[in-house]
């Protein structure tokens, strides 16, 4: 399950474009739960 989520990480260009890593991890954790 966690592999699936980690496999769908956003590209580095999007992370550099202003993504909030903490917010993304929070959303991932909520989706997994």
ModelCIF file with pLDDT and N, C-alpha, C, O atoms, coordinates in Angstrom:
data_MODEL
#
_entry.id   MODEL 
#
_entity.id                         1 
_entity.type                       polymer 
_entity.pdbx_number_of_molecules   1 
#
_entity_poly.entity_id                      1 
_entity_poly.type                           'polypeptide(L)' 
_entity_poly.nstd_linkage                   no 
_entity_poly.nstd_monomer                   no 
_entity_poly.pdbx_seq_one_letter_code       
;(UNK)(UNK)(UNK)(UNK)(UNK)(UNK)(UNK)(UNK)(UNK)(UNK)(UNK)(UNK)(UNK)(UNK)(UNK)(UNK)
(UNK)(UNK)(UNK)(UNK)(UNK)(UNK)(UNK)(UNK)(UNK)(UNK)(UNK)(UNK)(UNK)(UNK)(UNK)(UNK)
(UNK)
;
_entity_poly.pdbx_seq_one_letter_code_can   XXXXXXXXXXXXXXXXXXXXXXXXXXXXXXXXX 
_entity_poly.pdbx_strand_id                 A 
#
loop_
_entity_poly_seq.entity_id 
_entity_poly_seq.num 
_entity_poly_seq.mon_id 
_entity_poly_seq.hetero 
1 1  UNK n 
1 2  UNK n 
1 3  UNK n 
1 4  UNK n 
1 5  UNK n 
1 6  UNK n 
1 7  UNK n 
1 8  UNK n 
1 9  UNK n 
1 10 UNK n 
1 11 UNK n 
1 12 UNK n 
1 13 UNK n 
1 14 UNK n 
1 15 UNK n 
1 16 UNK n 
1 17 UNK n 
1 18 UNK n 
1 19 UNK n 
1 20 UNK n 
1 21 UNK n 
1 22 UNK n 
1 23 UNK n 
1 24 UNK n 
1 25 UNK n 
1 26 UNK n 
1 27 UNK n 
1 28 UNK n 
1 29 UNK n 
1 30 UNK n 
1 31 UNK n 
1 32 UNK n 
1 33 UNK n 
#
_struct_asym.id          A 
_struct_asym.entity_id   1 
#
loop_
_ma_qa_metric.id 
_ma_qa_metric.mode 
_ma_qa_metric.name 
_ma_qa_metric.software_group_id 
_ma_qa_metric.type 
1 global pLDDT . pLDDT 
2 local  pLDDT . pLDDT 
#
_ma_qa_metric_global.metric_id      1 
_ma_qa_metric_global.metric_value   59.30 
_ma_qa_metric_global.model_id       1 
_ma_qa_metric_global.ordinal_id     1 
#
loop_
_ma_qa_metric_local.label_asym_id 
_ma_qa_metric_local.label_comp_id 
_ma_qa_metric_local.label_seq_id 
_ma_qa_metric_local.metric_id 
_ma_qa_metric_local.metric_value 
_ma_qa_metric_local.model_id 
_ma_qa_metric_local.ordinal_id 
A UNK 1  2 38.00 1 1  
A UNK 2  2 38.00 1 2  
A UNK 3  2 39.00 1 3  
A UNK 4  2 37.00 1 4  
A UNK 5  2 40.00 1 5  
A UNK 6  2 39.00 1 6  
A UNK 7  2 38.00 1 7  
A UNK 8  2 41.00 1 8  
A UNK 9  2 44.00 1 9  
A UNK 10 2 42.00 1 10 
A UNK 11 2 44.00 1 11 
A UNK 12 2 39.00 1 12 
A UNK 13 2 41.00 1 13 
A UNK 14 2 44.00 1 14 
A UNK 15 2 43.00 1 15 
A UNK 16 2 38.00 1 16 
A UNK 17 2 41.00 1 17 
A UNK 18 2 46.00 1 18 
A UNK 19 2 49.00 1 19 
A UNK 20 2 73.00 1 20 
A UNK 21 2 81.00 1 21 
A UNK 22 2 84.00 1 22 
A UNK 23 2 84.00 1 23 
A UNK 24 2 84.00 1 24 
A UNK 25 2 87.00 1 25 
A UNK 26 2 85.00 1 26 
A UNK 27 2 85.00 1 27 
A UNK 28 2 85.00 1 28 
A UNK 29 2 87.00 1 29 
A UNK 30 2 86.00 1 30 
A UNK 31 2 85.00 1 31 
A UNK 32 2 85.00 1 32 
A UNK 33 2 85.00 1 33 
#
loop_
_atom_site.group_PDB 
_atom_site.id 
_atom_site.type_symbol 
_atom_site.label_atom_id 
_atom_site.label_alt_id 
_atom_site.label_comp_id 
_atom_site.label_asym_id 
_atom_site.label_entity_id 
_atom_site.label_seq_id 
_atom_site.pdbx_PDB_ins_code 
_atom_site.Cartn_x 
_atom_site.Cartn_y 
_atom_site.Cartn_z 
_atom_site.occupancy 
_atom_site.B_iso_or_equiv 
_atom_site.pdbx_formal_charge 
_atom_site.auth_seq_id 
_atom_site.auth_comp_id 
_atom_site.auth_asym_id 
_atom_site.auth_atom_id 
_atom_site.pdbx_PDB_model_num 
ATOM 1   N N  . UNK A 1 1  ? 0.836  -1.199 0.000   1.00 38.00 ? 1  UNK A N  1 
ATOM 2   C CA . UNK A 1 1  ? 0.000  0.000  0.000   1.00 38.00 ? 1  UNK A CA 1 
ATOM 3   C C  . UNK A 1 1  ? 0.868  1.243  0.000   1.00 38.00 ? 1  UNK A C  1 
ATOM 4   O O  . UNK A 1 1  ? 0.670  2.151  -0.807  1.00 38.00 ? 1  UNK A O  1 
ATOM 5   N N  . UNK A 1 2  ? 1.855  1.280  0.934   1.00 38.00 ? 2  UNK A N  1 
ATOM 6   C CA . UNK A 1 2  ? 2.727  2.445  0.991   1.00 38.00 ? 2  UNK A CA 1 
ATOM 7   C C  . UNK A 1 2  ? 3.573  2.562  -0.259  1.00 38.00 ? 2  UNK A C  1 
ATOM 8   O O  . UNK A 1 2  ? 3.945  3.661  -0.669  1.00 38.00 ? 2  UNK A O  1 
ATOM 9   N N  . UNK A 1 3  ? 3.888  1.374  -0.890  1.00 39.00 ? 3  UNK A N  1 
ATOM 10  C CA . UNK A 1 3  ? 4.647  1.424  -2.137  1.00 39.00 ? 3  UNK A CA 1 
ATOM 11  C C  . UNK A 1 3  ? 3.848  2.121  -3.226  1.00 39.00 ? 3  UNK A C  1 
ATOM 12  O O  . UNK A 1 3  ? 4.395  2.888  -4.018  1.00 39.00 ? 3  UNK A O  1 
ATOM 13  N N  . UNK A 1 4  ? 2.524  1.841  -3.258  1.00 37.00 ? 4  UNK A N  1 
ATOM 14  C CA . UNK A 1 4  ? 1.676  2.478  -4.263  1.00 37.00 ? 4  UNK A CA 1 
ATOM 15  C C  . UNK A 1 4  ? 1.684  3.988  -4.084  1.00 37.00 ? 4  UNK A C  1 
ATOM 16  O O  . UNK A 1 4  ? 1.822  4.752  -5.039  1.00 37.00 ? 4  UNK A O  1 
ATOM 17  N N  . UNK A 1 5  ? 1.532  4.389  -2.828  1.00 40.00 ? 5  UNK A N  1 
ATOM 18  C CA . UNK A 1 5  ? 1.485  5.825  -2.564  1.00 40.00 ? 5  UNK A CA 1 
ATOM 19  C C  . UNK A 1 5  ? 2.805  6.487  -2.913  1.00 40.00 ? 5  UNK A C  1 
ATOM 20  O O  . UNK A 1 5  ? 2.839  7.558  -3.519  1.00 40.00 ? 5  UNK A O  1 
ATOM 21  N N  . UNK A 1 6  ? 3.916  5.819  -2.511  1.00 39.00 ? 6  UNK A N  1 
ATOM 22  C CA . UNK A 1 6  ? 5.221  6.403  -2.810  1.00 39.00 ? 6  UNK A CA 1 
ATOM 23  C C  . UNK A 1 6  ? 5.496  6.383  -4.294  1.00 39.00 ? 6  UNK A C  1 
ATOM 24  O O  . UNK A 1 6  ? 6.209  7.244  -4.811  1.00 39.00 ? 6  UNK A O  1 
ATOM 25  N N  . UNK A 1 7  ? 4.921  5.384  -5.000  1.00 38.00 ? 7  UNK A N  1 
ATOM 26  C CA . UNK A 1 7  ? 5.124  5.316  -6.438  1.00 38.00 ? 7  UNK A CA 1 
ATOM 27  C C  . UNK A 1 7  ? 4.435  6.425  -7.182  1.00 38.00 ? 7  UNK A C  1 
ATOM 28  O O  . UNK A 1 7  ? 4.787  6.712  -8.326  1.00 38.00 ? 7  UNK A O  1 
ATOM 29  N N  . UNK A 1 8  ? 3.444  7.071  -6.550  1.00 41.00 ? 8  UNK A N  1 
ATOM 30  C CA . UNK A 1 8  ? 2.706  8.150  -7.210  1.00 41.00 ? 8  UNK A CA 1 
ATOM 31  C C  . UNK A 1 8  ? 3.147  9.504  -6.723  1.00 41.00 ? 8  UNK A C  1 
ATOM 32  O O  . UNK A 1 8  ? 2.369  10.458 -6.739  1.00 41.00 ? 8  UNK A O  1 
ATOM 33  N N  . UNK A 1 9  ? 4.451  9.607  -6.266  1.00 44.00 ? 9  UNK A N  1 
ATOM 34  C CA . UNK A 1 9  ? 4.952  10.898 -5.809  1.00 44.00 ? 9  UNK A CA 1 
ATOM 35  C C  . UNK A 1 9  ? 4.989  11.884 -6.960  1.00 44.00 ? 9  UNK A C  1 
ATOM 36  O O  . UNK A 1 9  ? 5.215  11.490 -8.104  1.00 44.00 ? 9  UNK A O  1 
ATOM 37  N N  . UNK A 1 10 ? 4.771  13.153 -6.677  1.00 42.00 ? 10 UNK A N  1 
ATOM 38  C CA . UNK A 1 10 ? 4.823  14.144 -7.742  1.00 42.00 ? 10 UNK A CA 1 
ATOM 39  C C  . UNK A 1 10 ? 6.227  14.319 -8.266  1.00 42.00 ? 10 UNK A C  1 
ATOM 40  O O  . UNK A 1 10 ? 7.185  14.093 -7.526  1.00 42.00 ? 10 UNK A O  1 
ATOM 41  N N  . UNK A 1 11 ? 6.385  14.710 -9.502  1.00 44.00 ? 11 UNK A N  1 
ATOM 42  C CA . UNK A 1 11 ? 7.722  14.928 -10.073 1.00 44.00 ? 11 UNK A CA 1 
ATOM 43  C C  . UNK A 1 11 ? 8.454  16.028 -9.336  1.00 44.00 ? 11 UNK A C  1 
ATOM 44  O O  . UNK A 1 11 ? 7.863  16.840 -8.624  1.00 44.00 ? 11 UNK A O  1 
ATOM 45  N N  . UNK A 1 12 ? 9.771  16.026 -9.532  1.00 39.00 ? 12 UNK A N  1 
ATOM 46  C CA . UNK A 1 12 ? 10.602 17.026 -8.864  1.00 39.00 ? 12 UNK A CA 1 
ATOM 47  C C  . UNK A 1 12 ? 10.286 18.428 -9.365  1.00 39.00 ? 12 UNK A C  1 
ATOM 48  O O  . UNK A 1 12 ? 10.395 19.404 -8.622  1.00 39.00 ? 12 UNK A O  1 
ATOM 49  N N  . UNK A 1 13 ? 9.890  18.518 -10.647 1.00 41.00 ? 13 UNK A N  1 
ATOM 50  C CA . UNK A 1 13 ? 9.576  19.847 -11.175 1.00 41.00 ? 13 UNK A CA 1 
ATOM 51  C C  . UNK A 1 13 ? 8.373  20.432 -10.469 1.00 41.00 ? 13 UNK A C  1 
ATOM 52  O O  . UNK A 1 13 ? 8.330  21.635 -10.210 1.00 41.00 ? 13 UNK A O  1 
ATOM 53  N N  . UNK A 1 14 ? 7.372  19.579 -10.145 1.00 44.00 ? 14 UNK A N  1 
ATOM 54  C CA . UNK A 1 14 ? 6.190  20.085 -9.441  1.00 44.00 ? 14 UNK A CA 1 
ATOM 55  C C  . UNK A 1 14 ? 6.545  20.465 -8.013  1.00 44.00 ? 14 UNK A C  1 
ATOM 56  O O  . UNK A 1 14 ? 6.048  21.459 -7.485  1.00 44.00 ? 14 UNK A O  1 
ATOM 57  N N  . UNK A 1 15 ? 7.428  19.652 -7.377  1.00 43.00 ? 15 UNK A N  1 
ATOM 58  C CA . UNK A 1 15 ? 7.848  19.996 -6.015  1.00 43.00 ? 15 UNK A CA 1 
ATOM 59  C C  . UNK A 1 15 ? 8.583  21.316 -6.005  1.00 43.00 ? 15 UNK A C  1 
ATOM 60  O O  . UNK A 1 15 ? 8.422  22.124 -5.090  1.00 43.00 ? 15 UNK A O  1 
ATOM 61  N N  . UNK A 1 16 ? 9.389  21.531 -7.023  1.00 38.00 ? 16 UNK A N  1 
ATOM 62  C CA . UNK A 1 16 ? 10.089 22.810 -7.108  1.00 38.00 ? 16 UNK A CA 1 
ATOM 63  C C  . UNK A 1 16 ? 9.140  23.931 -7.438  1.00 38.00 ? 16 UNK A C  1 
ATOM 64  O O  . UNK A 1 16 ? 9.434  25.093 -7.156  1.00 38.00 ? 16 UNK A O  1 
ATOM 65  N N  . UNK A 1 17 ? 7.977  23.601 -8.046  1.00 41.00 ? 17 UNK A N  1 
ATOM 66  C CA . UNK A 1 17 ? 7.034  24.633 -8.442  1.00 41.00 ? 17 UNK A CA 1 
ATOM 67  C C  . UNK A 1 17 ? 6.238  25.184 -7.290  1.00 41.00 ? 17 UNK A C  1 
ATOM 68  O O  . UNK A 1 17 ? 5.386  26.042 -7.520  1.00 41.00 ? 17 UNK A O  1 
ATOM 69  N N  . UNK A 1 18 ? 6.453  24.756 -6.079  1.00 46.00 ? 18 UNK A N  1 
ATOM 70  C CA . UNK A 1 18 ? 5.758  25.369 -4.953  1.00 46.00 ? 18 UNK A CA 1 
ATOM 71  C C  . UNK A 1 18 ? 4.911  24.398 -4.150  1.00 46.00 ? 18 UNK A C  1 
ATOM 72  O O  . UNK A 1 18 ? 4.092  24.844 -3.347  1.00 46.00 ? 18 UNK A O  1 
ATOM 73  N N  . UNK A 1 19 ? 5.067  23.091 -4.328  1.00 49.00 ? 19 UNK A N  1 
ATOM 74  C CA . UNK A 1 19 ? 4.300  22.134 -3.543  1.00 49.00 ? 19 UNK A CA 1 
ATOM 75  C C  . UNK A 1 19 ? 4.760  22.186 -2.095  1.00 49.00 ? 19 UNK A C  1 
ATOM 76  O O  . UNK A 1 19 ? 5.950  22.346 -1.825  1.00 49.00 ? 19 UNK A O  1 
ATOM 77  N N  . UNK A 1 20 ? 3.830  22.053 -1.172  1.00 73.00 ? 20 UNK A N  1 
ATOM 78  C CA . UNK A 1 20 ? 4.146  21.980 0.250   1.00 73.00 ? 20 UNK A CA 1 
ATOM 79  C C  . UNK A 1 20 ? 4.336  20.514 0.612   1.00 73.00 ? 20 UNK A C  1 
ATOM 80  O O  . UNK A 1 20 ? 3.370  19.751 0.631   1.00 73.00 ? 20 UNK A O  1 
ATOM 81  N N  . UNK A 1 21 ? 5.568  20.116 0.899   1.00 81.00 ? 21 UNK A N  1 
ATOM 82  C CA . UNK A 1 21 ? 5.853  18.697 1.164   1.00 81.00 ? 21 UNK A CA 1 
ATOM 83  C C  . UNK A 1 21 ? 5.085  18.201 2.382   1.00 81.00 ? 21 UNK A C  1 
ATOM 84  O O  . UNK A 1 21 ? 4.576  17.080 2.385   1.00 81.00 ? 21 UNK A O  1 
ATOM 85  N N  . UNK A 1 22 ? 5.002  19.025 3.405   1.00 84.00 ? 22 UNK A N  1 
ATOM 86  C CA . UNK A 1 22 ? 4.295  18.593 4.612   1.00 84.00 ? 22 UNK A CA 1 
ATOM 87  C C  . UNK A 1 22 ? 2.818  18.362 4.326   1.00 84.00 ? 22 UNK A C  1 
ATOM 88  O O  . UNK A 1 22 ? 2.227  17.404 4.825   1.00 84.00 ? 22 UNK A O  1 
ATOM 89  N N  . UNK A 1 23 ? 2.222  19.238 3.524   1.00 84.00 ? 23 UNK A N  1 
ATOM 90  C CA . UNK A 1 23 ? 0.804  19.086 3.177   1.00 84.00 ? 23 UNK A CA 1 
ATOM 91  C C  . UNK A 1 23 ? 0.588  17.835 2.323   1.00 84.00 ? 23 UNK A C  1 
ATOM 92  O O  . UNK A 1 23 ? -0.412 17.135 2.484   1.00 84.00 ? 23 UNK A O  1 
ATOM 93  N N  . UNK A 1 24 ? 1.534  17.555 1.409   1.00 84.00 ? 24 UNK A N  1 
ATOM 94  C CA . UNK A 1 24 ? 1.418  16.363 0.570   1.00 84.00 ? 24 UNK A CA 1 
ATOM 95  C C  . UNK A 1 24 ? 1.489  15.106 1.427   1.00 84.00 ? 24 UNK A C  1 
ATOM 96  O O  . UNK A 1 24 ? 0.694  14.183 1.247   1.00 84.00 ? 24 UNK A O  1 
ATOM 97  N N  . UNK A 1 25 ? 2.434  15.067 2.353   1.00 87.00 ? 25 UNK A N  1 
ATOM 98  C CA . UNK A 1 25 ? 2.560  13.895 3.226   1.00 87.00 ? 25 UNK A CA 1 
ATOM 99  C C  . UNK A 1 25 ? 1.316  13.736 4.103   1.00 87.00 ? 25 UNK A C  1 
ATOM 100 O O  . UNK A 1 25 ? 0.879  12.620 4.381   1.00 87.00 ? 25 UNK A O  1 
ATOM 101 N N  . UNK A 1 26 ? 0.759  14.859 4.529   1.00 85.00 ? 26 UNK A N  1 
ATOM 102 C CA . UNK A 1 26 ? -0.464 14.799 5.345   1.00 85.00 ? 26 UNK A CA 1 
ATOM 103 C C  . UNK A 1 26 ? -1.625 14.225 4.539   1.00 85.00 ? 26 UNK A C  1 
ATOM 104 O O  . UNK A 1 26 ? -2.393 13.405 5.042   1.00 85.00 ? 26 UNK A O  1 
ATOM 105 N N  . UNK A 1 27 ? -1.751 14.668 3.260   1.00 85.00 ? 27 UNK A N  1 
ATOM 106 C CA . UNK A 1 27 ? -2.806 14.148 2.395   1.00 85.00 ? 27 UNK A CA 1 
ATOM 107 C C  . UNK A 1 27 ? -2.599 12.670 2.127   1.00 85.00 ? 27 UNK A C  1 
ATOM 108 O O  . UNK A 1 27 ? -3.556 11.895 2.136   1.00 85.00 ? 27 UNK A O  1 
ATOM 109 N N  . UNK A 1 28 ? -1.330 12.263 1.884   1.00 85.00 ? 28 UNK A N  1 
ATOM 110 C CA . UNK A 1 28 ? -1.047 10.855 1.644   1.00 85.00 ? 28 UNK A CA 1 
ATOM 111 C C  . UNK A 1 28 ? -1.430 10.001 2.847   1.00 85.00 ? 28 UNK A C  1 
ATOM 112 O O  . UNK A 1 28 ? -2.060 8.954  2.699   1.00 85.00 ? 28 UNK A O  1 
ATOM 113 N N  . UNK A 1 29 ? -1.052 10.449 4.028   1.00 87.00 ? 29 UNK A N  1 
ATOM 114 C CA . UNK A 1 29 ? -1.377 9.689  5.237   1.00 87.00 ? 29 UNK A CA 1 
ATOM 115 C C  . UNK A 1 29 ? -2.877 9.566  5.432   1.00 87.00 ? 29 UNK A C  1 
ATOM 116 O O  . UNK A 1 29 ? -3.381 8.516  5.831   1.00 87.00 ? 29 UNK A O  1 
ATOM 117 N N  . UNK A 1 30 ? -3.588 10.653 5.145   1.00 86.00 ? 30 UNK A N  1 
ATOM 118 C CA . UNK A 1 30 ? -5.055 10.592 5.300   1.00 86.00 ? 30 UNK A CA 1 
ATOM 119 C C  . UNK A 1 30 ? -5.693 9.636  4.283   1.00 86.00 ? 30 UNK A C  1 
ATOM 120 O O  . UNK A 1 30 ? -6.616 8.892  4.616   1.00 86.00 ? 30 UNK A O  1 
ATOM 121 N N  . UNK A 1 31 ? -5.190 9.663  3.035   1.00 85.00 ? 31 UNK A N  1 
ATOM 122 C CA . UNK A 1 31 ? -5.718 8.751  2.020   1.00 85.00 ? 31 UNK A CA 1 
ATOM 123 C C  . UNK A 1 31 ? -5.460 7.301  2.396   1.00 85.00 ? 31 UNK A C  1 
ATOM 124 O O  . UNK A 1 31 ? -6.340 6.453  2.251   1.00 85.00 ? 31 UNK A O  1 
ATOM 125 N N  . UNK A 1 32 ? -4.248 7.011  2.880   1.00 85.00 ? 32 UNK A N  1 
ATOM 126 C CA . UNK A 1 32 ? -3.915 5.639  3.279   1.00 85.00 ? 32 UNK A CA 1 
ATOM 127 C C  . UNK A 1 32 ? -4.831 5.173  4.394   1.00 85.00 ? 32 UNK A C  1 
ATOM 128 O O  . UNK A 1 32 ? -5.332 4.049  4.364   1.00 85.00 ? 32 UNK A O  1 
ATOM 129 N N  . UNK A 1 33 ? -5.054 6.046  5.394   1.00 85.00 ? 33 UNK A N  1 
ATOM 130 C CA . UNK A 1 33 ? -5.911 5.643  6.509   1.00 85.00 ? 33 UNK A CA 1 
ATOM 131 C C  . UNK A 1 33 ? -7.345 5.400  6.061   1.00 85.00 ? 33 UNK A C  1 
ATOM 132 O O  . UNK A 1 33 ? -8.197 5.053  6.879   1.00 85.00 ? 33 UNK A O  1 
#
